[in-house]
Amino acid sequence: MKKIVSIIIAVIFMIGCLCACGTVENQKEKKKTENSSDKIHIVTTIFPEYDWVLNILGENPGHAEVTMLLDSGVDLHSYQPTADDIQKISACDMFVYVGGESDEWVKDALKQASNKNMVVVNLLDILGDNAKEEKVVEGMEAEEEDEKEEKEETKEEKPEYDEHVWLSLRNASALAGTLSDKLQSIDPENAEVYKKNTKDYVRKLNSLDKQYQKAVSRADVKTLLFGDRFPFRYLTDDYGLDYYAAFVGCSAETEASFETVSFLAKKVDELSLHSVMTIEGTDHRIAETIIRNTKKKDQQILTMDSMQSVTAKDVNQGVTYLSVMEKNLSVLKKALKKEAD
């Protein structure tokens, strides 16, 4: 599989280069690039990275150009780079990506990079020992055996890490600090501005973290149950919450087995939960089926946003990492009450 991905990346890059040669439009683009060569070009894969960088830049004294590759609502786990994406990465000054299995294409893309001085930031590498391996809890749908065997053959039994590192405010603080350090090394002239912006932003992240901690400490309920994928492990671990779910966060499954639905429905009854959680999206069939199999059948469905489908339109309408996490806190408070509102 890796060989196939490598070939695809190489072909995409070659086609992009060939198509770029000899056209009037690309000659104009070349002049535009030359005129903006003094600018810093930053490319991020996902929305949280993009928003962190914008907050560090603040009023952007260095006139940096920031690109978010996954800006059309495509999920991180199913994204494949285009020729244009590869070219943007190739020439940028700083490239930020998560670093999990979904980003296996990055290694081959970086081999094509024309800027050999590019600063590359891998979020999982930054977290180091704080990165968590993917965990299958009781009742959770496990991957099919043939899929496991295929991964073992291609991965050489490397640990499979939970990629959703951005869903921890504590991780966000640490990662924003490292991104700031990297940006300061690229643009030392504006280093002090970036330091101040980062300090102010981390203060906001820490303040919201304390609000989460306060809400959980006062909660009647300490368990979340997701009739969906579960990308919130970093968040629940931060505050000592227990959880059950239909699938792990990176699962591509959309249908839960009878055993999984039955187990989760019984847990709702056993723990007297008044809500079943889902992540963003309109397909709540699993949550609805779980509720139909409970004794009371009157639980509410509450949705938390894992920021895996944020679009450029959302960003233009004012969506930020902090605004999403604030909304998630409001949902969490409802889920942790003994009774529904």
C-alpha atoms as a PDB file:
ATOM      1  CA  MET A   1       0.000   0.000   0.000  1.00  0.00           C
ATOM      2  CA  LYS A   2       2.824   2.397   0.876  1.00  0.00           C
ATOM      3  CA  LYS A   3       4.482   1.709  -2.489  1.00  0.00           C
ATOM      4  CA  ILE A   4       1.214   2.531  -4.253  1.00  0.00           C
ATOM      5  CA  VAL A   5       0.857   5.778  -2.290  1.00  0.00           C
ATOM      6  CA  SER A   6       4.464   6.688  -3.130  1.00  0.00           C
ATOM      7  CA  ILE A   7       3.862   6.110  -6.831  1.00  0.00           C
ATOM      8  CA  ILE A   8       0.642   8.142  -6.755  1.00  0.00           C
ATOM      9  CA  ILE A   9       2.343  11.059  -4.997  1.00  0.00           C
ATOM     10  CA  ALA A  10       5.252  10.985  -7.456  1.00  0.00           C
ATOM     11  CA  VAL A  11       2.917  10.872 -10.469  1.00  0.00           C
ATOM     12  CA  ILE A  12       0.788  13.706  -9.073  1.00  0.00           C
ATOM     13  CA  PHE A  13       3.864  15.826  -8.531  1.00  0.00           C
ATOM     14  CA  MET A  14       5.247  15.105 -12.042  1.00  0.00           C
ATOM     15  CA  ILE A  15       1.929  15.881 -13.688  1.00  0.00           C
ATOM     16  CA  GLY A  16       1.655  19.092 -11.677  1.00  0.00           C
ATOM     17  CA  CYS A  17       5.128  20.140 -12.775  1.00  0.00           C
ATOM     18  CA  LEU A  18       4.520  19.298 -16.460  1.00  0.00           C
ATOM     19  CA  CYS A  19       1.212  21.110 -16.494  1.00  0.00           C
ATOM     20  CA  ALA A  20       2.845  24.129 -14.925  1.00  0.00           C
ATOM     21  CA  CYS A  21       5.420  24.490 -17.716  1.00  0.00           C
ATOM     22  CA  GLY A  22       4.943  26.683 -20.743  1.00  0.00           C
ATOM     23  CA  THR A  23       1.523  28.164 -20.045  1.00  0.00           C
ATOM     24  CA  VAL A  24       0.867  31.892 -19.939  1.00  0.00           C
ATOM     25  CA  GLU A  25      -1.150  31.501 -16.753  1.00  0.00           C
ATOM     26  CA  ASN A  26       1.705  29.813 -14.943  1.00  0.00           C
ATOM     27  CA  GLN A  27       4.178  32.417 -16.145  1.00  0.00           C
ATOM     28  CA  LYS A  28       1.939  34.971 -14.425  1.00  0.00           C
ATOM     29  CA  GLU A  29       1.849  32.772 -11.343  1.00  0.00           C
ATOM     30  CA  LYS A  30       5.641  32.546 -11.414  1.00  0.00           C
ATOM     31  CA  LYS A  31       5.955  36.343 -11.429  1.00  0.00           C
ATOM     32  CA  LYS A  32       3.443  36.542  -8.615  1.00  0.00           C
ATOM     33  CA  THR A  33       5.499  34.045  -6.625  1.00  0.00           C
ATOM     34  CA  GLU A  34       8.702  35.978  -7.268  1.00  0.00           C
ATOM     35  CA  ASN A  35       7.056  39.195  -6.084  1.00  0.00           C
ATOM     36  CA  SER A  36       5.890  37.466  -2.885  1.00  0.00           C
ATOM     37  CA  SER A  37       9.123  35.586  -2.241  1.00  0.00           C
ATOM     38  CA  ASP A  38       9.726  37.654   0.874  1.00  0.00           C
ATOM     39  CA  LYS A  39       6.507  36.348   2.405  1.00  0.00           C
ATOM     40  CA  ILE A  40       6.370  33.384   4.768  1.00  0.00           C
ATOM     41  CA  HIS A  41       4.235  30.543   3.442  1.00  0.00           C
ATOM     42  CA  ILE A  42       2.697  28.206   6.015  1.00  0.00           C
ATOM     43  CA  VAL A  43       0.673  25.108   5.102  1.00  0.00           C
ATOM     44  CA  THR A  44      -1.425  23.194   7.639  1.00  0.00           C
ATOM     45  CA  THR A  45      -3.450  20.066   7.034  1.00  0.00           C
ATOM     46  CA  ILE A  46      -6.396  20.592   9.401  1.00  0.00           C
ATOM     47  CA  PHE A  47      -8.430  23.417  10.928  1.00  0.00           C
ATOM     48  CA  PRO A  48      -7.113  23.423  14.536  1.00  0.00           C
ATOM     49  CA  GLU A  49      -3.494  23.805  13.324  1.00  0.00           C
ATOM     50  CA  TYR A  50      -4.596  26.573  10.965  1.00  0.00           C
ATOM     51  CA  ASP A  51      -6.437  28.479  13.691  1.00  0.00           C
ATOM     52  CA  TRP A  52      -3.560  28.133  16.182  1.00  0.00           C
ATOM     53  CA  VAL A  53      -1.166  29.608  13.631  1.00  0.00           C
ATOM     54  CA  LEU A  54      -3.519  32.529  12.940  1.00  0.00           C
ATOM     55  CA  ASN A  55      -3.684  33.307  16.650  1.00  0.00           C
ATOM     56  CA  ILE A  56       0.109  33.224  16.935  1.00  0.00           C
ATOM     57  CA  LEU A  57       0.446  35.561  13.937  1.00  0.00           C
ATOM     58  CA  GLY A  58      -2.117  37.985  15.321  1.00  0.00           C
ATOM     59  CA  GLU A  59      -2.039  41.062  13.088  1.00  0.00           C
ATOM     60  CA  ASN A  60       0.504  39.216  10.963  1.00  0.00           C
ATOM     61  CA  PRO A  61       3.416  41.692  10.861  1.00  0.00           C
ATOM     62  CA  GLY A  62       5.403  39.328   8.618  1.00  0.00           C
ATOM     63  CA  HIS A  63       2.542  39.123   6.077  1.00  0.00           C
ATOM     64  CA  ALA A  64       2.570  35.329   6.251  1.00  0.00           C
ATOM     65  CA  GLU A  65       0.247  33.387   3.968  1.00  0.00           C
ATOM     66  CA  VAL A  66      -1.470  30.489   5.740  1.00  0.00           C
ATOM     67  CA  THR A  67      -3.151  27.625   3.876  1.00  0.00           C
ATOM     68  CA  MET A  68      -5.497  24.970   5.282  1.00  0.00           C
ATOM     69  CA  LEU A  69      -5.472  21.935   2.984  1.00  0.00           C
ATOM     70  CA  LEU A  70      -8.580  20.200   4.359  1.00  0.00           C
ATOM     71  CA  ASP A  71     -10.938  23.138   3.823  1.00  0.00           C
ATOM     72  CA  SER A  72     -13.866  21.445   2.069  1.00  0.00           C
ATOM     73  CA  GLY A  73     -15.159  19.288   4.919  1.00  0.00           C
ATOM     74  CA  VAL A  74     -13.179  16.198   3.905  1.00  0.00           C
ATOM     75  CA  ASP A  75     -12.393  13.997   6.897  1.00  0.00           C
ATOM     76  CA  LEU A  76      -8.728  13.667   7.873  1.00  0.00           C
ATOM     77  CA  HIS A  77      -8.985   9.890   7.600  1.00  0.00           C
ATOM     78  CA  SER A  78     -10.148   9.892   3.964  1.00  0.00           C
ATOM     79  CA  TYR A  79      -8.170  12.853   2.604  1.00  0.00           C
ATOM     80  CA  GLN A  80      -5.882  12.412  -0.400  1.00  0.00           C
ATOM     81  CA  PRO A  81      -3.687  15.335  -1.582  1.00  0.00           C
ATOM     82  CA  THR A  82      -4.166  16.887  -5.014  1.00  0.00           C
ATOM     83  CA  ALA A  83      -1.373  18.022  -7.332  1.00  0.00           C
ATOM     84  CA  ASP A  84      -2.028  21.583  -6.167  1.00  0.00           C
ATOM     85  CA  ASP A  85      -1.747  20.516  -2.517  1.00  0.00           C
ATOM     86  CA  ILE A  86       1.602  18.824  -3.181  1.00  0.00           C
ATOM     87  CA  GLN A  87       2.934  21.948  -4.890  1.00  0.00           C
ATOM     88  CA  LYS A  88       1.863  24.148  -1.974  1.00  0.00           C
ATOM     89  CA  ILE A  89       3.651  21.864   0.470  1.00  0.00           C
ATOM     90  CA  SER A  90       6.714  21.638  -1.745  1.00  0.00           C
ATOM     91  CA  ALA A  91       7.431  25.369  -1.692  1.00  0.00           C
ATOM     92  CA  CYS A  92       6.241  26.385   1.783  1.00  0.00           C
ATOM     93  CA  ASP A  93       8.428  27.578   4.658  1.00  0.00           C
ATOM     94  CA  MET A  94       6.545  25.689   7.360  1.00  0.00           C
ATOM     95  CA  PHE A  95       4.359  22.601   7.073  1.00  0.00           C
ATOM     96  CA  VAL A  96       2.179  21.396   9.962  1.00  0.00           C
ATOM     97  CA  TYR A  97       0.468  17.990  10.069  1.00  0.00           C
ATOM     98  CA  VAL A  98      -0.845  15.521  12.657  1.00  0.00           C
ATOM     99  CA  GLY A  99       1.487  12.619  11.925  1.00  0.00           C
ATOM    100  CA  GLY A 100      -0.721   9.560  12.362  1.00  0.00           C
ATOM    101  CA  GLU A 101      -1.717   6.783   9.975  1.00  0.00           C
ATOM    102  CA  SER A 102      -3.962   9.155   8.033  1.00  0.00           C
ATOM    103  CA  ASP A 103      -0.876  11.191   7.119  1.00  0.00           C
ATOM    104  CA  GLU A 104       1.171   8.350   5.644  1.00  0.00           C
ATOM    105  CA  TRP A 105       1.184  10.248   2.330  1.00  0.00           C
ATOM    106  CA  VAL A 106       3.220  13.080   3.878  1.00  0.00           C
ATOM    107  CA  LYS A 107       6.555  11.246   3.839  1.00  0.00           C
ATOM    108  CA  ASP A 108       6.395  10.843   0.068  1.00  0.00           C
ATOM    109  CA  ALA A 109       5.137  14.399  -0.434  1.00  0.00           C
ATOM    110  CA  LEU A 110       8.089  15.829   1.521  1.00  0.00           C
ATOM    111  CA  LYS A 111      10.535  13.936  -0.696  1.00  0.00           C
ATOM    112  CA  GLN A 112       9.272  16.115  -3.552  1.00  0.00           C
ATOM    113  CA  ALA A 113       9.759  19.378  -1.632  1.00  0.00           C
ATOM    114  CA  SER A 114      11.717  22.058  -3.461  1.00  0.00           C
ATOM    115  CA  ASN A 115      12.331  24.027  -0.260  1.00  0.00           C
ATOM    116  CA  LYS A 116      14.942  21.973   1.576  1.00  0.00           C
ATOM    117  CA  ASN A 117      14.937  24.469   4.485  1.00  0.00           C
ATOM    118  CA  MET A 118      11.265  23.873   5.203  1.00  0.00           C
ATOM    119  CA  VAL A 119      10.322  23.621   8.898  1.00  0.00           C
ATOM    120  CA  VAL A 120       8.206  20.488   9.322  1.00  0.00           C
ATOM    121  CA  VAL A 121       5.991  20.119  12.405  1.00  0.00           C
ATOM    122  CA  ASN A 122       4.548  16.697  13.308  1.00  0.00           C
ATOM    123  CA  LEU A 123       2.061  17.094  16.183  1.00  0.00           C
ATOM    124  CA  LEU A 124       2.364  13.525  17.443  1.00  0.00           C
ATOM    125  CA  ASP A 125       6.154  13.852  17.515  1.00  0.00           C
ATOM    126  CA  ILE A 126       5.861  17.033  19.585  1.00  0.00           C
ATOM    127  CA  LEU A 127       3.624  15.312  22.127  1.00  0.00           C
ATOM    128  CA  GLY A 128       6.037  12.403  22.426  1.00  0.00           C
ATOM    129  CA  ASP A 129       5.084  10.230  25.405  1.00  0.00           C
ATOM    130  CA  ASN A 130       1.862  12.203  25.829  1.00  0.00           C
ATOM    131  CA  ALA A 131       0.538  10.808  22.549  1.00  0.00           C
ATOM    132  CA  LYS A 132      -1.943   8.012  23.244  1.00  0.00           C
ATOM    133  CA  GLU A 133      -2.252   4.699  21.460  1.00  0.00           C
ATOM    134  CA  GLU A 134      -5.686   3.922  20.061  1.00  0.00           C
ATOM    135  CA  LYS A 135      -7.713   2.000  22.633  1.00  0.00           C
ATOM    136  CA  VAL A 136     -10.613  -0.409  22.218  1.00  0.00           C
ATOM    137  CA  VAL A 137     -12.773  -0.330  25.369  1.00  0.00           C
ATOM    138  CA  GLU A 138     -15.398  -2.839  26.452  1.00  0.00           C
ATOM    139  CA  GLY A 139     -18.312  -3.034  24.034  1.00  0.00           C
ATOM    140  CA  MET A 140     -16.537  -1.127  21.290  1.00  0.00           C
ATOM    141  CA  GLU A 141     -16.665  -2.556  17.777  1.00  0.00           C
ATOM    142  CA  ALA A 142     -13.239  -3.999  16.940  1.00  0.00           C
ATOM    143  CA  GLU A 143     -11.712  -3.893  13.477  1.00  0.00           C
ATOM    144  CA  GLU A 144     -12.219  -6.834  11.172  1.00  0.00           C
ATOM    145  CA  GLU A 145      -9.487  -9.482  11.418  1.00  0.00           C
ATOM    146  CA  ASP A 146      -8.489  -9.198   7.765  1.00  0.00           C
ATOM    147  CA  GLU A 147      -8.026  -5.439   8.165  1.00  0.00           C
ATOM    148  CA  LYS A 148      -5.832  -6.023  11.218  1.00  0.00           C
ATOM    149  CA  GLU A 149      -3.718  -8.568   9.376  1.00  0.00           C
ATOM    150  CA  GLU A 150      -3.265  -6.238   6.402  1.00  0.00           C
ATOM    151  CA  LYS A 151      -2.157  -3.399   8.679  1.00  0.00           C
ATOM    152  CA  GLU A 152       0.296  -5.620  10.517  1.00  0.00           C
ATOM    153  CA  GLU A 153       1.869  -6.627   7.202  1.00  0.00           C
ATOM    154  CA  THR A 154       2.283  -3.040   6.046  1.00  0.00           C
ATOM    155  CA  LYS A 155       3.063  -1.304   9.357  1.00  0.00           C
ATOM    156  CA  GLU A 156       5.606  -3.707  10.798  1.00  0.00           C
ATOM    157  CA  GLU A 157       3.478  -3.755  13.982  1.00  0.00           C
ATOM    158  CA  LYS A 158       4.046  -0.072  14.790  1.00  0.00           C
ATOM    159  CA  PRO A 159       1.747   1.304  17.504  1.00  0.00           C
ATOM    160  CA  GLU A 160      -1.425   2.907  16.205  1.00  0.00           C
ATOM    161  CA  TYR A 161      -1.809   6.323  17.816  1.00  0.00           C
ATOM    162  CA  ASP A 162      -5.017   8.247  18.393  1.00  0.00           C
ATOM    163  CA  GLU A 163      -4.664  11.165  15.987  1.00  0.00           C
ATOM    164  CA  HIS A 164      -7.222  13.492  17.573  1.00  0.00           C
ATOM    165  CA  VAL A 165      -4.637  15.347  19.661  1.00  0.00           C
ATOM    166  CA  TRP A 166      -6.297  18.735  19.134  1.00  0.00           C
ATOM    167  CA  LEU A 167      -9.312  17.762  21.264  1.00  0.00           C
ATOM    168  CA  SER A 168      -7.303  18.363  24.419  1.00  0.00           C
ATOM    169  CA  LEU A 169      -6.955  21.996  25.462  1.00  0.00           C
ATOM    170  CA  ARG A 170      -3.790  21.017  27.319  1.00  0.00           C
ATOM    171  CA  ASN A 171      -2.319  19.578  24.151  1.00  0.00           C
ATOM    172  CA  ALA A 172      -3.391  22.719  22.294  1.00  0.00           C
ATOM    173  CA  SER A 173      -1.414  24.886  24.726  1.00  0.00           C
ATOM    174  CA  ALA A 174       1.728  22.787  24.310  1.00  0.00           C
ATOM    175  CA  LEU A 175       1.397  22.544  20.536  1.00  0.00           C
ATOM    176  CA  ALA A 176       0.728  26.266  20.112  1.00  0.00           C
ATOM    177  CA  GLY A 177       3.894  26.971  22.099  1.00  0.00           C
ATOM    178  CA  THR A 178       5.988  24.791  19.789  1.00  0.00           C
ATOM    179  CA  LEU A 179       4.403  26.281  16.656  1.00  0.00           C
ATOM    180  CA  SER A 180       5.263  29.715  18.006  1.00  0.00           C
ATOM    181  CA  ASP A 181       8.890  28.707  18.587  1.00  0.00           C
ATOM    182  CA  LYS A 182       9.138  27.401  15.018  1.00  0.00           C
ATOM    183  CA  LEU A 183       7.593  30.546  13.580  1.00  0.00           C
ATOM    184  CA  GLN A 184       9.972  32.720  15.590  1.00  0.00           C
ATOM    185  CA  SER A 185      12.919  30.811  14.107  1.00  0.00           C
ATOM    186  CA  ILE A 186      11.615  31.508  10.600  1.00  0.00           C
ATOM    187  CA  ASP A 187      10.788  35.169  11.259  1.00  0.00           C
ATOM    188  CA  PRO A 188      13.068  36.375  14.105  1.00  0.00           C
ATOM    189  CA  GLU A 189      12.300  39.987  13.222  1.00  0.00           C
ATOM    190  CA  ASN A 190       8.773  39.583  14.607  1.00  0.00           C
ATOM    191  CA  ALA A 191       9.616  37.020  17.311  1.00  0.00           C
ATOM    192  CA  GLU A 192       8.554  39.251  20.209  1.00  0.00           C
ATOM    193  CA  VAL A 193       5.141  39.845  18.641  1.00  0.00           C
ATOM    194  CA  TYR A 194       4.625  36.095  18.225  1.00  0.00           C
ATOM    195  CA  LYS A 195       5.711  35.454  21.815  1.00  0.00           C
ATOM    196  CA  LYS A 196       3.169  37.941  23.138  1.00  0.00           C
ATOM    197  CA  ASN A 197       0.380  36.626  20.919  1.00  0.00           C
ATOM    198  CA  THR A 198       1.118  33.071  22.000  1.00  0.00           C
ATOM    199  CA  LYS A 199       1.148  34.013  25.675  1.00  0.00           C
ATOM    200  CA  ASP A 200      -2.258  35.692  25.309  1.00  0.00           C
ATOM    201  CA  TYR A 201      -3.696  32.764  23.375  1.00  0.00           C
ATOM    202  CA  VAL A 202      -2.398  30.109  25.763  1.00  0.00           C
ATOM    203  CA  ARG A 203      -3.952  32.084  28.607  1.00  0.00           C
ATOM    204  CA  LYS A 204      -7.336  31.742  26.893  1.00  0.00           C
ATOM    205  CA  LEU A 205      -6.799  28.018  26.324  1.00  0.00           C
ATOM    206  CA  ASN A 206      -5.843  27.509  29.968  1.00  0.00           C
ATOM    207  CA  SER A 207      -8.859  29.505  31.132  1.00  0.00           C
ATOM    208  CA  LEU A 208     -11.212  27.298  29.126  1.00  0.00           C
ATOM    209  CA  ASP A 209      -9.404  24.201  30.418  1.00  0.00           C
ATOM    210  CA  LYS A 210     -10.188  25.331  33.974  1.00  0.00           C
ATOM    211  CA  GLN A 211     -13.852  25.767  33.022  1.00  0.00           C
ATOM    212  CA  TYR A 212     -13.928  22.188  31.757  1.00  0.00           C
ATOM    213  CA  GLN A 213     -12.291  20.947  34.948  1.00  0.00           C
ATOM    214  CA  LYS A 214     -14.762  22.882  37.070  1.00  0.00           C
ATOM    215  CA  ALA A 215     -17.743  21.530  35.132  1.00  0.00           C
ATOM    216  CA  VAL A 216     -16.563  17.937  35.506  1.00  0.00           C
ATOM    217  CA  SER A 217     -15.784  18.314  39.215  1.00  0.00           C
ATOM    218  CA  ARG A 218     -19.372  19.468  39.803  1.00  0.00           C
ATOM    219  CA  ALA A 219     -20.962  16.878  37.521  1.00  0.00           C
ATOM    220  CA  ASP A 220     -23.530  14.329  38.646  1.00  0.00           C
ATOM    221  CA  VAL A 221     -22.524  11.924  35.877  1.00  0.00           C
ATOM    222  CA  LYS A 222     -18.950  10.898  35.068  1.00  0.00           C
ATOM    223  CA  THR A 223     -19.530   8.714  31.999  1.00  0.00           C
ATOM    224  CA  LEU A 224     -20.160   9.567  28.350  1.00  0.00           C
ATOM    225  CA  LEU A 225     -21.660   7.071  25.928  1.00  0.00           C
ATOM    226  CA  PHE A 226     -21.194   7.635  22.178  1.00  0.00           C
ATOM    227  CA  GLY A 227     -23.387   5.929  19.615  1.00  0.00           C
ATOM    228  CA  ASP A 228     -20.753   6.863  17.082  1.00  0.00           C
ATOM    229  CA  ARG A 229     -16.998   7.041  16.563  1.00  0.00           C
ATOM    230  CA  PHE A 230     -15.083   8.262  19.597  1.00  0.00           C
ATOM    231  CA  PRO A 231     -12.412  10.896  18.852  1.00  0.00           C
ATOM    232  CA  PHE A 232     -12.588  12.485  22.326  1.00  0.00           C
ATOM    233  CA  ARG A 233     -10.232  10.243  24.260  1.00  0.00           C
ATOM    234  CA  TYR A 234      -7.697  13.010  24.908  1.00  0.00           C
ATOM    235  CA  LEU A 235     -10.451  15.220  26.302  1.00  0.00           C
ATOM    236  CA  THR A 236     -11.998  12.573  28.565  1.00  0.00           C
ATOM    237  CA  ASP A 237      -8.573  11.507  29.852  1.00  0.00           C
ATOM    238  CA  ASP A 238      -7.753  15.125  30.751  1.00  0.00           C
ATOM    239  CA  TYR A 239     -10.729  15.301  33.115  1.00  0.00           C
ATOM    240  CA  GLY A 240     -10.984  11.728  34.340  1.00  0.00           C
ATOM    241  CA  LEU A 241     -14.223  10.855  32.561  1.00  0.00           C
ATOM    242  CA  ASP A 242     -15.213   7.299  31.665  1.00  0.00           C
ATOM    243  CA  TYR A 243     -16.640   6.482  28.250  1.00  0.00           C
ATOM    244  CA  TYR A 244     -18.211   3.847  26.042  1.00  0.00           C
ATOM    245  CA  ALA A 245     -18.599   4.043  22.276  1.00  0.00           C
ATOM    246  CA  ALA A 246     -19.539   2.109  19.175  1.00  0.00           C
ATOM    247  CA  PHE A 247     -16.197   2.610  17.397  1.00  0.00           C
ATOM    248  CA  VAL A 248     -12.708   3.976  17.942  1.00  0.00           C
ATOM    249  CA  GLY A 249     -12.090   7.513  16.704  1.00  0.00           C
ATOM    250  CA  CYS A 250     -10.386   6.579  13.442  1.00  0.00           C
ATOM    251  CA  SER A 251     -12.817   3.836  12.468  1.00  0.00           C
ATOM    252  CA  ALA A 252     -14.351   3.941   9.005  1.00  0.00           C
ATOM    253  CA  GLU A 253     -17.295   1.756  10.092  1.00  0.00           C
ATOM    254  CA  THR A 254     -20.816   3.150   9.844  1.00  0.00           C
ATOM    255  CA  GLU A 255     -22.881   0.144  10.932  1.00  0.00           C
ATOM    256  CA  ALA A 256     -22.757  -1.279  14.469  1.00  0.00           C
ATOM    257  CA  SER A 257     -23.423  -4.938  15.216  1.00  0.00           C
ATOM    258  CA  PHE A 258     -26.379  -6.137  17.267  1.00  0.00           C
ATOM    259  CA  GLU A 259     -23.965  -7.035  20.086  1.00  0.00           C
ATOM    260  CA  THR A 260     -22.521  -3.506  20.165  1.00  0.00           C
ATOM    261  CA  VAL A 261     -25.924  -1.814  20.138  1.00  0.00           C
ATOM    262  CA  SER A 262     -27.242  -4.190  22.809  1.00  0.00           C
ATOM    263  CA  PHE A 263     -24.216  -3.620  25.063  1.00  0.00           C
ATOM    264  CA  LEU A 264     -24.442   0.160  24.800  1.00  0.00           C
ATOM    265  CA  ALA A 265     -28.205   0.178  25.381  1.00  0.00           C
ATOM    266  CA  LYS A 266     -27.726  -1.882  28.545  1.00  0.00           C
ATOM    267  CA  LYS A 267     -25.025   0.539  29.718  1.00  0.00           C
ATOM    268  CA  VAL A 268     -27.423   3.451  29.256  1.00  0.00           C
ATOM    269  CA  ASP A 269     -29.912   1.638  31.495  1.00  0.00           C
ATOM    270  CA  GLU A 270     -27.321   0.489  34.016  1.00  0.00           C
ATOM    271  CA  LEU A 271     -25.829   3.971  34.443  1.00  0.00           C
ATOM    272  CA  SER A 272     -29.198   5.772  34.168  1.00  0.00           C
ATOM    273  CA  LEU A 273     -27.846   8.001  31.414  1.00  0.00           C
ATOM    274  CA  HIS A 274     -30.276  10.519  29.954  1.00  0.00           C
ATOM    275  CA  SER A 275     -28.276  11.151  26.783  1.00  0.00           C
ATOM    276  CA  VAL A 276     -26.457   9.332  23.992  1.00  0.00           C
ATOM    277  CA  MET A 277     -23.616  11.264  22.357  1.00  0.00           C
ATOM    278  CA  THR A 278     -22.672  11.645  18.695  1.00  0.00           C
ATOM    279  CA  ILE A 279     -20.069  13.616  16.763  1.00  0.00           C
ATOM    280  CA  GLU A 280     -20.834  16.199  14.070  1.00  0.00           C
ATOM    281  CA  GLY A 281     -22.785  15.023  11.039  1.00  0.00           C
ATOM    282  CA  THR A 282     -26.378  14.171  10.283  1.00  0.00           C
ATOM    283  CA  ASP A 283     -26.227  10.393  10.563  1.00  0.00           C
ATOM    284  CA  HIS A 284     -27.375   9.524  14.087  1.00  0.00           C
ATOM    285  CA  ARG A 285     -28.845   6.117  13.252  1.00  0.00           C
ATOM    286  CA  ILE A 286     -26.691   4.180  15.716  1.00  0.00           C
ATOM    287  CA  ALA A 287     -27.544   6.530  18.583  1.00  0.00           C
ATOM    288  CA  GLU A 288     -31.225   6.313  17.675  1.00  0.00           C
ATOM    289  CA  THR A 289     -31.078   2.501  17.587  1.00  0.00           C
ATOM    290  CA  ILE A 290     -29.373   2.399  20.995  1.00  0.00           C
ATOM    291  CA  ILE A 291     -32.121   4.582  22.466  1.00  0.00           C
ATOM    292  CA  ARG A 292     -34.854   2.362  20.992  1.00  0.00           C
ATOM    293  CA  ASN A 293     -33.258  -0.590  22.781  1.00  0.00           C
ATOM    294  CA  THR A 294     -33.202   1.028  26.228  1.00  0.00           C
ATOM    295  CA  LYS A 295     -35.939   0.582  28.820  1.00  0.00           C
ATOM    296  CA  LYS A 296     -37.083   4.223  28.890  1.00  0.00           C
ATOM    297  CA  LYS A 297     -36.451   5.002  25.209  1.00  0.00           C
ATOM    298  CA  ASP A 298     -36.492   8.720  25.981  1.00  0.00           C
ATOM    299  CA  GLN A 299     -32.825   9.689  26.034  1.00  0.00           C
ATOM    300  CA  GLN A 300     -31.753  12.790  24.154  1.00  0.00           C
ATOM    301  CA  ILE A 301     -29.053  12.859  21.492  1.00  0.00           C
ATOM    302  CA  LEU A 302     -26.276  15.364  22.150  1.00  0.00           C
ATOM    303  CA  THR A 303     -23.603  16.228  19.588  1.00  0.00           C
ATOM    304  CA  MET A 304     -20.007  17.269  20.211  1.00  0.00           C
ATOM    305  CA  ASP A 305     -17.897  18.716  17.397  1.00  0.00           C
ATOM    306  CA  SER A 306     -14.561  16.973  16.785  1.00  0.00           C
ATOM    307  CA  MET A 307     -13.583  19.594  14.166  1.00  0.00           C
ATOM    308  CA  GLN A 308     -12.933  16.978  11.511  1.00  0.00           C
ATOM    309  CA  SER A 309     -15.258  18.559   8.956  1.00  0.00           C
ATOM    310  CA  VAL A 310     -14.627  22.296   9.320  1.00  0.00           C
ATOM    311  CA  THR A 311     -14.743  24.088   5.956  1.00  0.00           C
ATOM    312  CA  ALA A 312     -13.321  27.331   4.593  1.00  0.00           C
ATOM    313  CA  LYS A 313     -16.889  28.669   4.696  1.00  0.00           C
ATOM    314  CA  ASP A 314     -17.089  27.928   8.431  1.00  0.00           C
ATOM    315  CA  VAL A 315     -13.820  29.799   8.985  1.00  0.00           C
ATOM    316  CA  ASN A 316     -15.083  32.798   6.997  1.00  0.00           C
ATOM    317  CA  GLN A 317     -18.202  32.807   9.154  1.00  0.00           C
ATOM    318  CA  GLY A 318     -16.101  33.191  12.295  1.00  0.00           C
ATOM    319  CA  VAL A 319     -15.673  29.612  13.543  1.00  0.00           C
ATOM    320  CA  THR A 320     -12.540  29.269  15.686  1.00  0.00           C
ATOM    321  CA  TYR A 321     -10.930  26.501  17.686  1.00  0.00           C
ATOM    322  CA  LEU A 322     -11.938  28.219  20.934  1.00  0.00           C
ATOM    323  CA  SER A 323     -15.528  28.820  19.804  1.00  0.00           C
ATOM    324  CA  VAL A 324     -15.960  25.117  18.991  1.00  0.00           C
ATOM    325  CA  MET A 325     -14.436  24.020  22.294  1.00  0.00           C
ATOM    326  CA  GLU A 326     -16.701  26.457  24.151  1.00  0.00           C
ATOM    327  CA  LYS A 327     -19.757  24.925  22.447  1.00  0.00           C
ATOM    328  CA  ASN A 328     -18.486  21.456  23.306  1.00  0.00           C
ATOM    329  CA  LEU A 329     -18.285  22.510  26.946  1.00  0.00           C
ATOM    330  CA  SER A 330     -21.945  23.581  26.873  1.00  0.00           C
ATOM    331  CA  VAL A 331     -22.912  20.188  25.430  1.00  0.00           C
ATOM    332  CA  LEU A 332     -20.733  18.379  27.956  1.00  0.00           C
ATOM    333  CA  LYS A 333     -22.422  20.153  30.860  1.00  0.00           C
ATOM    334  CA  LYS A 334     -25.798  18.887  29.627  1.00  0.00           C
ATOM    335  CA  ALA A 335     -24.483  15.347  29.232  1.00  0.00           C
ATOM    336  CA  LEU A 336     -23.035  15.310  32.754  1.00  0.00           C
ATOM    337  CA  LYS A 337     -26.292  16.289  34.472  1.00  0.00           C
ATOM    338  CA  LYS A 338     -28.324  13.655  36.291  1.00  0.00           C
ATOM    339  CA  GLU A 339     -31.459  14.627  34.382  1.00  0.00           C
ATOM    340  CA  ALA A 340     -32.077  16.102  30.947  1.00  0.00           C
ATOM    341  CA  ASP A 341     -32.978  19.777  30.657  1.00  0.00           C
END
